[in-house]
Protein backbone atom coordinates (compact mmCIF):
# COMPACT_ATOMS: atom_id res chain seq x y z
CA MET A 1 -13.86 21.62 11.85
CA PRO A 2 -12.11 18.52 10.55
CA THR A 3 -14.30 16.22 8.51
CA ARG A 4 -15.15 12.83 9.92
CA GLN A 5 -15.11 9.64 7.95
CA ARG A 6 -16.78 6.31 8.81
CA ARG A 7 -16.66 3.04 6.87
CA GLY A 8 -18.61 1.44 6.98
CA GLU A 9 -19.61 -29.57 -8.40
CA LEU A 10 -16.52 -31.38 -7.88
CA ALA A 11 -14.53 -28.29 -8.79
CA TRP A 12 -11.12 -29.96 -8.76
CA ALA A 13 -11.83 -31.55 -12.18
CA ALA A 14 -12.09 -28.19 -13.96
CA PRO A 15 -8.37 -27.39 -14.18
CA LEU A 16 -7.62 -30.85 -15.55
CA MET A 17 -10.21 -30.44 -18.29
CA ARG A 18 -8.89 -27.02 -19.19
CA SER A 19 -5.28 -28.17 -19.30
CA ALA A 20 -6.23 -31.13 -21.47
CA SER A 21 -7.98 -28.92 -24.01
CA ALA A 22 -5.09 -26.48 -23.98
CA GLY A 23 -2.62 -29.24 -24.77
CA ALA A 24 -3.79 -29.68 -28.36
CA ALA A 25 -1.07 -28.22 -30.60
CA PHE A 26 -1.87 -26.26 -33.78
CA ARG A 27 -0.88 -28.05 -37.00
CA PRO A 28 -1.17 -26.07 -40.27
CA ASN A 29 -2.73 -28.06 -43.10
CA ARG A 30 -0.83 -29.03 -46.23
CA LEU A 31 -2.45 -26.35 -48.41
CA LEU A 32 -1.43 -23.58 -46.05
CA LYS A 33 2.17 -24.89 -46.03
CA GLN A 34 2.25 -24.75 -49.84
CA MET A 35 0.88 -21.21 -49.80
CA LEU A 36 3.58 -20.16 -47.38
CA VAL A 37 6.35 -21.72 -49.44
CA LEU A 38 5.23 -20.96 -53.03
CA GLY A 39 2.81 -18.06 -52.94
CA LEU A 40 4.20 -15.92 -50.16
CA GLY A 41 7.95 -16.24 -50.58
CA PHE A 42 8.23 -12.52 -51.09
CA ALA A 43 7.37 -12.01 -47.42
CA THR A 44 10.97 -12.66 -46.40
CA SER A 45 12.35 -9.88 -48.64
CA GLY A 46 11.44 -7.05 -46.28
CA PHE A 47 7.69 -6.66 -46.65
CA ALA A 48 7.03 -8.99 -43.76
CA GLY A 49 9.35 -7.15 -41.45
CA ALA A 50 7.69 -3.85 -42.32
CA ALA A 51 4.24 -5.28 -41.85
CA ILE A 52 5.10 -6.71 -38.50
CA ALA A 53 6.69 -3.45 -37.49
CA GLN A 54 3.34 -1.77 -38.14
CA THR A 55 1.53 -4.01 -35.68
CA PRO A 56 0.90 -1.86 -32.62
CA ALA A 57 2.01 -3.22 -29.28
CA ALA A 58 -0.69 -3.32 -26.63
CA PRO A 59 -0.22 -0.15 -24.62
CA ALA A 60 0.44 -0.64 -20.94
CA ALA A 61 -2.57 -0.03 -18.75
CA SER A 62 -2.18 3.16 -16.77
CA PRO A 63 -3.35 2.63 -13.21
CA VAL A 64 -5.44 5.33 -11.60
CA ALA A 65 -5.19 6.34 -7.95
CA GLN A 66 -8.23 5.05 -6.07
CA SER A 67 -9.96 6.33 -3.01
CA GLY A 68 -11.42 2.91 -2.26
CA PRO A 69 -10.68 -0.69 -3.15
CA PRO A 70 -10.96 -1.19 -6.92
CA SER A 71 -12.74 -4.09 -8.51
CA PRO A 72 -10.73 -7.27 -9.06
CA ALA A 73 -8.41 -7.08 -11.99
CA THR A 74 -9.47 -9.28 -14.91
CA PRO A 75 -7.75 -9.79 -18.26
CA ARG A 76 -9.08 -7.41 -20.87
CA GLU A 77 -10.67 -8.80 -23.98
CA THR A 78 -8.60 -7.44 -26.86
CA PRO A 79 -9.69 -7.92 -30.47
CA ARG A 80 -7.41 -9.89 -32.74
CA SER A 81 -5.19 -7.63 -34.73
CA GLY A 82 -6.37 -9.19 -37.96
CA ALA A 83 -10.12 -9.20 -37.26
CA ALA A 84 -11.96 -8.27 -40.46
CA LYS A 85 -14.32 -5.32 -40.55
CA PRO A 86 -17.45 -5.07 -42.72
CA GLY A 87 -16.39 -4.26 -46.25
CA ASP A 88 -12.73 -5.21 -45.76
CA PRO A 89 -11.19 -7.81 -48.10
CA LEU A 90 -10.63 -11.22 -46.55
CA ALA A 91 -7.09 -12.46 -45.89
CA ALA A 92 -5.90 -15.98 -45.32
CA ILE A 93 -3.33 -14.84 -42.78
CA ASP A 94 -4.23 -12.53 -39.90
CA TRP A 95 -1.27 -10.17 -40.07
CA LEU A 96 -1.88 -9.38 -43.76
CA ALA A 97 -5.14 -7.71 -42.69
CA THR A 98 -3.55 -5.67 -39.89
CA PRO A 99 -4.89 -2.09 -39.99
CA ALA A 100 -2.59 0.92 -40.05
CA PRO A 101 -1.25 1.87 -36.62
CA ASP A 102 -3.01 4.54 -34.64
CA ALA A 103 -1.41 7.98 -34.46
CA GLY A 104 -1.47 7.92 -30.67
CA LEU A 105 0.92 4.99 -30.26
CA PRO A 106 4.07 5.39 -28.18
CA GLY A 107 7.32 6.18 -29.91
CA THR A 108 8.67 2.66 -29.46
CA VAL A 109 6.28 1.40 -32.17
CA LEU A 110 7.74 1.59 -35.66
CA LEU A 111 5.57 3.65 -37.98
CA GLU A 112 7.51 3.40 -41.25
CA PRO A 113 5.49 2.74 -44.43
CA PRO A 114 5.78 -0.78 -45.93
CA VAL A 115 7.79 0.55 -48.92
CA ALA A 116 11.52 1.19 -48.81
CA GLY A 117 12.50 4.79 -49.51
CA SER A 118 16.10 3.89 -50.40
CA ALA A 119 18.46 0.95 -50.74
CA ARG A 120 20.21 1.77 -47.48
CA ARG A 121 19.91 -0.58 -44.55
CA PRO A 122 17.33 0.84 -42.11
CA GLU A 123 18.49 1.97 -38.69
CA VAL A 124 17.45 -0.26 -35.80
CA THR A 125 16.27 1.29 -32.55
CA VAL A 126 16.63 -0.95 -29.49
CA THR A 127 14.24 -0.40 -26.56
CA PRO A 128 14.53 -2.55 -23.40
CA LEU A 129 11.42 -4.66 -22.86
CA ALA A 130 11.45 -3.65 -19.20
CA SER A 131 10.48 -0.12 -20.21
CA LEU A 132 7.20 -1.49 -21.56
CA VAL A 133 6.19 -3.11 -18.26
CA ALA A 134 3.14 -1.39 -16.82
CA PRO A 135 3.83 0.42 -13.53
CA ILE A 136 1.94 -0.75 -10.45
CA GLY A 137 0.69 1.53 -7.70
CA LEU A 138 -2.30 3.37 -6.30
CA VAL A 139 -0.94 6.92 -6.31
CA LYS A 140 0.30 8.75 -9.40
CA PRO A 141 3.93 9.95 -9.53
CA ALA A 142 2.62 13.50 -9.93
CA SER A 143 1.12 13.23 -6.43
CA THR A 144 4.03 11.49 -4.69
CA GLY A 145 6.86 13.32 -6.45
CA LEU A 146 8.63 9.98 -6.98
CA PRO A 147 9.58 8.86 -10.51
CA VAL A 148 7.97 5.84 -12.09
CA ASP A 149 11.40 4.17 -12.39
CA LEU A 150 12.05 4.49 -8.66
CA TRP A 151 13.40 0.91 -8.37
CA ARG A 152 15.59 1.03 -11.50
CA GLY A 153 18.98 -0.65 -11.27
CA SER A 154 18.40 -2.30 -7.87
CA ASN A 155 18.25 -5.98 -7.03
CA ALA A 156 14.67 -7.04 -6.30
CA GLU A 157 15.70 -9.35 -3.46
CA ALA A 158 17.66 -6.57 -1.76
CA LEU A 159 14.71 -4.20 -2.14
CA ALA A 160 12.33 -6.78 -0.70
CA THR A 161 14.60 -7.26 2.31
CA LEU A 162 14.78 -3.50 2.90
CA LEU A 163 11.02 -3.05 2.58
CA ALA A 164 10.46 -5.76 5.15
CA SER A 165 13.08 -4.61 7.66
CA VAL A 166 13.22 -0.79 7.66
CA PRO A 167 11.85 0.31 11.08
CA VAL A 168 9.32 3.14 11.06
CA ARG A 169 7.44 2.73 14.35
CA LYS A 170 9.14 5.63 16.17
CA SER A 171 8.83 8.27 13.44
CA PRO A 172 5.54 9.39 11.85
CA ALA A 173 7.56 11.03 9.05
CA MET A 174 9.20 7.69 8.21
CA GLN A 175 5.80 5.98 8.35
CA SER A 176 4.43 8.44 5.83
CA LEU A 177 7.45 7.98 3.58
CA MET A 178 7.16 4.20 3.75
CA PHE A 179 3.50 4.29 2.71
CA THR A 180 4.44 6.62 -0.13
CA LEU A 181 7.07 4.16 -1.38
CA LEU A 182 4.69 1.22 -1.10
CA LEU A 183 1.72 2.86 -2.83
CA SER A 184 3.41 5.04 -5.43
CA GLU A 185 2.92 4.01 -9.04
CA THR A 186 6.30 2.52 -9.97
CA ARG A 187 7.69 0.14 -12.54
CA PRO A 188 9.33 -3.02 -11.16
CA PRO A 189 13.04 -3.72 -11.83
CA VAL A 190 14.10 -5.69 -14.90
CA GLU A 191 14.23 -8.94 -12.93
CA GLY A 192 12.33 -9.93 -9.83
CA GLY A 193 9.28 -7.74 -10.29
CA GLU A 194 7.02 -10.36 -8.72
CA ARG A 195 9.25 -10.58 -5.65
CA LEU A 196 9.09 -6.81 -5.17
CA LEU A 197 5.30 -6.73 -5.55
CA LEU A 198 4.87 -9.44 -2.93
CA ALA A 199 7.19 -7.56 -0.59
CA ARG A 200 5.07 -4.40 -1.00
CA LEU A 201 1.91 -6.34 -0.19
CA ASP A 202 3.51 -8.03 2.83
CA ARG A 203 4.75 -4.74 4.31
CA LEU A 204 1.33 -3.12 3.87
CA MET A 205 -0.20 -5.97 5.83
CA ASP A 206 2.56 -5.73 8.44
CA LEU A 207 1.77 -2.02 8.87
CA GLY A 208 -1.90 -2.80 9.43
CA ALA A 209 -3.18 -1.63 6.03
CA PRO A 210 -5.16 -4.52 4.47
CA ASP A 211 -7.37 -2.10 2.51
CA PRO A 212 -4.48 -0.64 0.47
CA ALA A 213 -2.96 -4.13 0.19
CA GLN A 214 -6.22 -5.42 -1.26
CA ALA A 215 -6.44 -2.51 -3.68
CA LEU A 216 -2.82 -2.90 -4.81
CA ALA A 217 -3.25 -6.64 -5.36
CA GLU A 218 -6.41 -6.05 -7.36
CA GLN A 219 -4.71 -3.49 -9.54
CA ALA A 220 -1.77 -5.80 -10.22
CA GLY A 221 -4.03 -8.77 -11.01
CA PRO A 222 -4.60 -11.00 -7.98
CA THR A 223 -5.27 -14.18 -9.96
CA ARG A 224 -2.06 -14.13 -11.98
CA SER A 225 -0.18 -16.22 -9.43
CA LYS A 226 -0.93 -18.28 -6.37
CA ALA A 227 1.25 -16.04 -4.19
CA ARG A 228 -0.66 -12.92 -5.23
CA PHE A 229 -3.98 -14.60 -4.62
CA LYS A 230 -2.92 -15.73 -1.14
CA ARG A 231 -2.16 -12.15 -0.09
CA TRP A 232 -5.32 -10.80 -1.72
CA PHE A 233 -7.44 -13.47 -0.05
CA ASP A 234 -5.98 -12.71 3.39
CA ALA A 235 -6.60 -8.98 2.92
CA THR A 236 -10.23 -9.47 1.88
CA LEU A 237 -10.87 -11.68 4.91
CA LEU A 238 -9.85 -8.79 7.17
CA THR A 239 -11.68 -6.07 5.24
CA GLY A 240 -14.90 -8.08 4.87
CA ASP A 241 -14.69 -8.27 1.04
CA GLU A 242 -13.99 -11.98 0.78
CA GLN A 243 -16.94 -12.41 -1.59
CA GLN A 244 -14.75 -11.15 -4.44
CA ALA A 245 -11.87 -13.48 -3.64
CA CYS A 246 -14.19 -16.46 -3.18
CA SER A 247 -15.85 -15.83 -6.54
CA ALA A 248 -12.42 -15.78 -8.19
CA LEU A 249 -11.44 -18.96 -6.34
CA GLN A 250 -14.57 -20.72 -7.56
CA ASP A 251 -13.48 -20.07 -11.17
CA ARG A 252 -9.80 -20.92 -10.50
CA PRO A 253 -9.66 -23.53 -7.74
CA HIS A 254 -5.96 -24.18 -8.40
CA LEU A 255 -5.21 -20.82 -6.71
CA ALA A 256 -6.54 -21.99 -3.33
CA PRO A 257 -3.99 -21.38 -0.55
CA ASP A 258 -5.21 -24.51 1.23
CA TYR A 259 -8.13 -26.91 1.36
CA ALA A 260 -9.86 -25.03 4.17
CA SER A 261 -10.16 -21.91 2.03
CA ARG A 262 -12.04 -23.86 -0.63
CA ILE A 263 -14.49 -25.16 1.95
CA PHE A 264 -15.00 -21.67 3.37
CA CYS A 265 -15.52 -20.09 -0.06
CA ALA A 266 -17.95 -22.77 -1.21
CA ALA A 267 -20.09 -22.09 1.86
CA ARG A 268 -19.61 -18.32 1.53
CA LEU A 269 -21.02 -18.47 -2.00
CA GLY A 270 -24.00 -20.56 -0.89
CA ASP A 271 -22.80 -23.87 -2.37
CA TRP A 272 -23.37 -25.90 0.80
CA PRO A 273 -23.40 -29.36 -0.85
CA THR A 274 -19.92 -28.77 -2.31
CA ALA A 275 -18.67 -27.39 0.99
CA ALA A 276 -20.00 -30.43 2.86
CA LEU A 277 -18.48 -32.83 0.31
CA LEU A 278 -15.09 -31.11 0.53
CA LEU A 279 -15.25 -31.20 4.32
CA GLU A 280 -15.96 -34.96 4.31
CA ALA A 281 -13.03 -35.48 1.93
CA ALA A 282 -10.81 -33.43 4.25
CA HIS A 283 -11.86 -35.65 7.18
CA ALA A 284 -11.27 -38.85 5.26
CA LEU A 285 -7.91 -37.88 3.75
CA ASP A 286 -6.52 -35.73 6.61
CA LEU A 287 -6.18 -32.73 4.32
CA VAL A 288 -6.76 -30.16 7.06
CA ASP A 289 -5.38 -29.75 10.57
CA SER A 290 -7.61 -31.30 13.23
CA ARG A 291 -8.22 -27.98 15.02
CA GLN A 292 -9.28 -26.30 11.80
CA LEU A 293 -11.50 -29.29 10.97
CA ASP A 294 -13.32 -28.80 14.27
CA LEU A 295 -13.75 -25.14 13.39
CA LEU A 296 -15.06 -25.93 9.91
CA ASP A 297 -17.45 -28.52 11.38
CA ARG A 298 -19.01 -25.84 13.57
CA PHE A 299 -19.03 -23.40 10.68
CA LEU A 300 -21.00 -25.75 8.40
CA ASN A 301 -23.13 -27.44 11.09
CA PRO A 302 -23.91 -24.83 13.75
CA ASP A 303 -27.04 -26.67 14.95
CA VAL A 304 -25.10 -29.81 15.81
CA PHE A 305 -22.68 -27.91 18.05
CA GLU A 306 -25.16 -25.49 19.55
CA ASP A 307 -24.55 -26.64 23.14
CA ALA A 308 -20.89 -27.61 22.71
CA PRO A 309 -18.24 -25.80 24.79
CA PRO A 310 -16.19 -23.10 23.01
CA LEU A 311 -13.10 -24.15 21.13
CA ARG A 312 -9.69 -23.33 22.52
CA ALA A 313 -8.50 -20.07 20.95
CA PRO A 314 -5.32 -20.29 18.85
CA LYS A 315 -2.41 -18.01 19.76
CA SER A 316 -1.50 -17.04 16.19
CA PRO A 317 -4.50 -17.47 13.92
CA ASP A 318 -4.29 -16.76 10.22
CA PRO A 319 -6.96 -14.48 8.66
CA LEU A 320 -9.15 -17.44 7.64
CA THR A 321 -9.12 -18.94 11.13
CA PHE A 322 -9.92 -15.50 12.57
CA ARG A 323 -12.93 -15.13 10.28
CA LEU A 324 -14.15 -18.64 11.00
CA TYR A 325 -14.17 -17.91 14.73
CA GLU A 326 -16.07 -14.74 13.96
CA THR A 327 -18.71 -16.57 11.90
CA ILE A 328 -19.42 -19.11 14.64
CA GLY A 329 -19.93 -16.35 17.20
CA GLU A 330 -16.62 -16.72 19.04
CA ARG A 331 -14.90 -13.54 17.86
CA ARG A 332 -11.31 -13.19 19.03
CA PRO A 333 -9.85 -9.91 20.38
CA THR A 334 -7.23 -8.37 18.08
CA SER A 335 -5.11 -6.50 20.64
CA ASN A 336 -2.53 -9.31 20.83
CA LEU A 337 -2.64 -10.15 17.10
CA PRO A 338 -0.66 -8.55 14.23
CA ARG A 339 -1.73 -5.02 13.28
CA ALA A 340 -3.59 -6.09 10.14
CA PHE A 341 -6.19 -7.84 12.31
CA ALA A 342 -7.03 -4.52 13.98
CA ALA A 343 -8.58 -3.38 10.69
CA ALA A 344 -11.27 -6.04 11.18
CA ASP A 345 -12.36 -4.22 14.36
CA LEU A 346 -13.13 -1.05 12.40
CA ARG A 347 -16.25 -2.68 10.97
CA ASP A 348 -19.62 -2.03 12.55
CA ILE A 349 -19.87 -5.60 13.83
CA ALA A 350 -17.29 -4.73 16.50
CA GLY A 351 -18.18 -2.81 19.64
CA TRP A 352 -17.32 0.86 20.05
CA LYS A 353 -14.48 0.21 22.50
CA ALA A 354 -12.91 -2.34 20.15
CA GLN A 355 -13.22 0.15 17.29
CA LEU A 356 -11.57 2.90 19.34
CA GLU A 357 -8.67 0.71 20.41
CA ALA A 358 -8.12 -0.54 16.86
CA ALA A 359 -8.29 3.00 15.49
CA GLU A 360 -5.68 4.23 17.97
CA ARG A 361 -3.43 1.30 17.21
CA LEU A 362 -3.59 1.89 13.45
CA THR A 363 -3.26 5.67 13.77
CA ARG A 364 -0.12 5.15 15.84
CA ILE A 365 1.58 3.47 12.87
CA GLY A 366 0.12 5.85 10.28
CA ALA A 367 -2.24 3.30 8.73
CA LEU A 368 -5.49 5.19 9.46
CA ASN A 369 -6.69 8.62 8.43
CA PRO A 370 -6.92 10.87 11.53
CA ASN A 371 -10.43 11.94 10.46
CA HIS A 372 -11.59 8.36 10.93
CA LEU A 373 -10.22 8.37 14.45
CA LEU A 374 -11.94 11.69 15.17
CA GLY A 375 -15.24 10.31 13.93
CA LEU A 376 -14.97 7.39 16.33
CA TYR A 377 -13.88 9.58 19.25
CA THR A 378 -16.91 11.84 18.88
CA GLU A 379 -19.48 9.22 17.92
CA ARG A 380 -21.16 9.10 21.34
CA SER A 381 -20.59 9.90 24.99
CA PRO A 382 -18.04 7.81 26.92
CA ALA A 383 -19.54 4.67 28.39
CA ALA A 384 -17.34 4.62 31.48
CA SER A 385 -14.22 6.20 32.95
CA GLY A 386 -10.55 5.32 32.93
CA GLY A 387 -8.28 4.28 30.10
CA ILE A 388 -9.55 5.01 26.65
CA TRP A 389 -12.77 6.55 27.99
CA ASP A 390 -10.75 9.33 29.62
CA ARG A 391 -9.11 10.08 26.27
CA VAL A 392 -12.48 10.20 24.54
CA ALA A 393 -13.89 12.54 27.19
CA ALA A 394 -10.82 14.81 27.06
CA LEU A 395 -10.98 15.16 23.29
CA GLN A 396 -14.72 15.81 23.30
CA ARG A 397 -14.34 18.56 25.91
CA PHE A 398 -11.48 20.12 23.96
CA GLU A 399 -13.46 20.08 20.72
CA THR A 400 -16.37 21.75 22.49
CA ALA A 401 -14.00 24.44 23.78
CA LEU A 402 -12.69 25.04 20.26
CA GLU A 403 -16.22 25.43 18.92
CA THR A 404 -16.94 28.15 21.48
CA GLY A 405 -13.84 30.07 20.42
CA SER A 406 -13.07 30.83 24.07
CA ALA A 407 -9.35 31.18 24.76
CA GLU A 408 -9.97 30.44 28.43
CA ALA A 409 -11.83 27.21 27.68
CA VAL A 410 -9.14 26.06 25.24
CA SER A 411 -6.39 26.86 27.76
CA LYS A 412 -8.10 24.66 30.35
CA THR A 413 -8.78 21.67 28.10
CA LEU A 414 -5.66 21.66 25.88
CA PRO A 415 -3.10 20.35 28.42
CA LYS A 416 -5.33 17.46 29.48
CA VAL A 417 -6.17 16.34 25.95
CA TRP A 418 -2.51 16.63 24.96
CA ARG A 419 -1.48 14.33 27.81
CA ALA A 420 -4.16 11.89 26.66
CA MET A 421 -2.80 11.97 23.10
CA GLN A 422 0.72 11.42 24.42
CA THR A 423 -0.48 8.38 26.33
CA ALA A 424 -1.91 6.93 23.12
CA GLN A 425 1.15 8.13 21.11
CA ILE A 426 -1.01 9.77 18.46
CA GLU A 427 0.20 13.36 18.83
CA THR A 428 0.84 13.96 15.13
CA ALA A 429 -2.70 12.85 14.25
CA PHE A 430 -4.07 15.28 16.83
CA ALA A 431 -1.87 18.05 15.38
CA ASP A 432 -3.08 17.31 11.86
CA LEU A 433 -6.68 17.64 13.04
CA PHE A 434 -6.55 20.77 15.20
CA ALA A 435 -3.42 22.81 14.36
CA ASP A 436 -5.22 25.24 12.06
CA GLN A 437 -7.95 25.93 14.63
CA LEU A 438 -5.43 26.40 17.42
CA ALA A 439 -3.68 29.03 15.32
CA ARG A 440 -6.83 31.15 15.38
CA ILE A 441 -7.23 31.11 19.20
CA PRO A 442 -5.36 33.93 21.04
CA LEU A 443 -3.62 31.98 23.81
CA ASP A 444 -0.91 33.04 26.24
CA GLY A 445 1.41 31.48 28.80
CA GLN A 446 1.90 27.73 28.88
CA ALA A 447 -1.12 27.12 26.68
CA ALA A 448 0.45 29.28 23.93
CA ASN A 449 3.74 27.36 24.20
CA LEU A 450 1.95 24.03 23.95
CA ALA A 451 -0.22 25.14 21.05
CA TRP A 452 2.88 26.29 19.16
CA ARG A 453 4.62 22.94 19.65
CA ILE A 454 1.50 21.17 18.42
CA ARG A 455 1.37 23.37 15.32
CA LEU A 456 5.01 22.48 14.56
CA LEU A 457 3.97 18.80 14.32
CA ALA A 458 1.35 19.59 11.65
CA PRO A 459 1.93 20.00 7.89
CA THR A 460 1.81 23.80 8.35
CA TYR A 461 4.91 23.75 10.58
CA GLU A 462 6.76 26.37 8.55
CA THR A 463 3.96 28.90 8.93
CA ALA A 464 3.90 28.30 12.68
CA SER A 465 7.69 28.72 12.93
CA HIS A 466 7.44 32.41 12.02
CA SER A 467 5.35 33.24 15.09
CA PRO A 468 6.94 31.54 18.14
CA PRO A 469 5.65 32.50 21.59
CA PRO A 470 8.01 34.77 23.53
CA SER A 471 8.29 32.43 26.51
CA GLN A 472 9.31 29.34 24.51
CA GLY A 473 12.89 28.57 25.56
CA ARG A 474 13.86 26.30 22.66
CA SER A 475 11.97 28.29 20.05
CA ALA A 476 14.99 29.59 18.12
CA PHE A 477 16.49 26.23 17.09
CA VAL A 478 13.14 24.47 16.56
CA ALA A 479 11.87 27.36 14.45
CA ALA A 480 15.08 27.27 12.41
CA VAL A 481 14.60 23.55 11.73
CA ALA A 482 11.05 24.21 10.56
CA GLN A 483 12.42 26.81 8.15
CA GLY A 484 15.28 24.53 7.04
CA VAL A 485 18.09 26.78 8.31
CA PRO A 486 19.28 25.49 11.72
CA THR A 487 22.83 26.45 12.65
CA GLN A 488 25.44 25.08 15.01
CA GLU A 489 25.33 28.34 17.01
CA LEU A 490 21.71 27.61 18.00
CA ALA A 491 22.29 23.91 18.79
CA ARG A 492 22.52 23.05 22.47
CA ASN A 493 23.10 19.27 22.51
CA GLY A 494 24.36 16.42 20.35
CA VAL A 495 21.06 15.72 18.61
CA GLU A 496 20.62 19.36 17.65
CA GLN A 497 24.21 19.55 16.41
CA ALA A 498 23.66 16.44 14.24
CA ILE A 499 20.50 17.97 12.79
CA ALA A 500 22.24 21.30 12.13
CA ALA A 501 25.07 19.49 10.31
CA ALA A 502 22.56 17.82 7.99
CA PHE A 503 21.05 21.20 7.02
CA ALA A 504 24.41 22.92 6.46
CA ALA A 505 25.11 24.32 3.01
CA ASP A 506 27.93 21.83 2.37
CA SER A 507 26.07 18.74 3.60
CA ALA A 508 25.82 15.79 1.23
CA ALA A 509 24.74 12.18 1.18
CA PRO A 510 27.35 9.68 2.44
CA ARG A 511 29.53 8.07 -0.22
CA LYS A 512 27.76 4.73 -0.14
CA LEU A 513 24.36 6.28 -0.77
CA GLN A 514 25.77 8.79 -3.25
CA ARG A 515 27.03 5.88 -5.37
CA LEU A 516 23.50 4.49 -5.43
CA LEU A 517 22.15 7.87 -6.47
CA ASP A 518 24.77 8.23 -9.21
CA ASN A 519 23.68 4.82 -10.50
CA GLY A 520 20.03 5.88 -10.59
CA GLN A 521 19.02 3.63 -7.67
CA LEU A 522 16.79 6.22 -6.02
CA GLY A 523 14.37 3.89 -4.24
CA GLU A 524 17.12 1.81 -2.65
CA SER A 525 18.99 4.92 -1.49
CA ILE A 526 15.83 6.24 0.20
CA LEU A 527 15.25 2.94 2.00
CA ARG A 528 18.84 2.82 3.21
CA ALA A 529 18.56 6.43 4.40
CA MET A 530 15.46 5.43 6.38
CA GLN A 531 17.53 2.70 8.02
CA LEU A 532 20.17 5.26 8.94
CA PHE A 533 17.54 7.56 10.42
CA ALA A 534 16.24 4.79 12.69
CA GLN A 535 19.79 4.16 13.92
CA GLY A 536 20.32 7.90 14.37
CA ALA A 537 17.13 8.26 16.38
CA ASP A 538 18.44 5.54 18.70
CA GLY A 539 21.60 7.52 19.43
CA ASN A 540 23.99 7.11 16.49
CA LEU A 541 24.22 10.81 15.65
CA GLY A 542 26.47 10.34 12.61
CA ASP A 543 23.79 8.20 10.98
CA LEU A 544 21.19 10.83 11.83
CA THR A 545 23.16 13.48 9.95
CA ASP A 546 23.70 11.18 6.94
CA ALA A 547 20.02 10.23 6.78
CA LEU A 548 18.69 13.79 6.88
CA ALA A 549 21.34 14.95 4.39
CA THR A 550 20.33 12.16 2.00
CA PHE A 551 16.65 13.06 2.21
CA ARG A 552 17.51 16.64 1.33
CA ALA A 553 19.83 15.56 -1.50
CA VAL A 554 17.05 13.60 -3.22
CA GLY A 555 14.45 16.34 -2.82
CA LEU A 556 12.65 15.07 0.29
CA GLU A 557 13.08 18.35 2.15
CA ASP A 558 9.68 18.18 3.82
CA THR A 559 10.41 14.66 5.09
CA ALA A 560 13.76 15.78 6.50
CA ARG A 561 12.26 18.74 8.34
CA ARG A 562 9.28 16.87 9.76
CA ALA A 563 11.44 13.95 10.85
CA ALA A 564 13.81 16.32 12.67
CA LEU A 565 10.95 18.25 14.31
CA GLN A 566 9.30 15.06 15.52
CA LEU A 567 12.60 13.84 16.93
CA LEU A 568 12.91 17.09 18.90
CA LEU A 569 9.29 17.48 20.02
CA LEU A 570 8.03 13.94 20.64
CA ASP A 571 9.89 13.22 23.86
CA HIS A 572 8.57 9.71 24.47
CA ARG A 573 9.97 8.47 21.18
């Protein structure tokens, strides 16, 4: 059976003091200047260059794929290169005491000895600094199959626009590919790396995935810029991990997105006097919107407003406003809010119905593991009938039938649960969960046809394609697509002909995308192919052929096949 998963001080003066202390410039004393001029003149004759060449560059941190949100990224404490060890002679200048480089350093570090072997001028090797930038991502390239230099050669602004605009709602295969691009460990382009990172975080939130967005921000270093912190803070408010962000904000108040966030974090950390003082200052100086001031008043002084009427709910709350309403006991429904807010309903503080609706909504866009949805569906017996309760009851009856191993019971329950999954538009999640078990049940008739179509929507589609039911009318072409060999002879309509053309032996990426590929711009070519697929799914069959051919040209054969199968089998899309 599929596994089931459940989740369960006046601070504004500090930056001024720090900046004042940092402003003191270093001035070498007169004795040191004389030493540099008289005693160490030989350093310019080549010894200095060799010594500096021996200084190892700090290796880039290699991120590790995480199954859960990592701890906030903090700068590592690195020892000074010239720190003296016990027994070492003292040196007046740090770099004269630099130890020999370690044997495990990358090849870009010069390892020549500090003595010239000949009078010839040494060869100079030039390495772009961009190649030393640490890649950012949660999933290793070995797992995604995408290279670490995926974004090489592309303009960061163009990539950010594509990441924000490529539609994926109608195709689970495109959703999966988009998440792969967003989470894969990749190195940013030479210029505009920050813009690309922010675009990745924004699209994750747009897709309803604040947990991965929080993890990606933490891995990149959420306190390195105000823009990064803003996105990290919003994500933690929706996942319930705002304690981490508030602790970081207490140490670096200049990162605060707004004044209200400082008041919230001061109270969240238990510093009620500071929170009250900041709130009074906000009242006196009009630093916060009047509606949010009323909300903060109730947040800090719940006893005063115990009998007050509820506040008017905002139409488009930000994550902080949403959490403030939650803390004062006036939790807002998330069904009419952006997808990221649905993740807040997955916590145990929400009711079961709210959790189910949020789970379906996130599964529909590919932002939730199907096992999590299954765990919620089977958590308890339906509380009522109609709507989502009918879907819960249908799935529970079907799962019971599977456990009995009775072909008759499965034949009776499968059509009803499939209609329920179609209503919720989560067919691929259902196929991922139950395709393997359906393959072991000896069905016949319409139940066998339906089970085969469901198996073709699962990752094991190619295995299922070799055993089509005899009564399945469209089995020949669909099975050929699953095997990657559809032909024009089997195609019966325009969509099938477009798909067959993409899988032909002489198919190739369109010229515009081929130029990108020839230039090494793999990531941009994939995003533009995803745009073409969306247009092709809407009826532009030429774009459909170009998109699928491009996916195959860059090695995304599985994506091409699954996208084509879903286009053929998911009628409502």
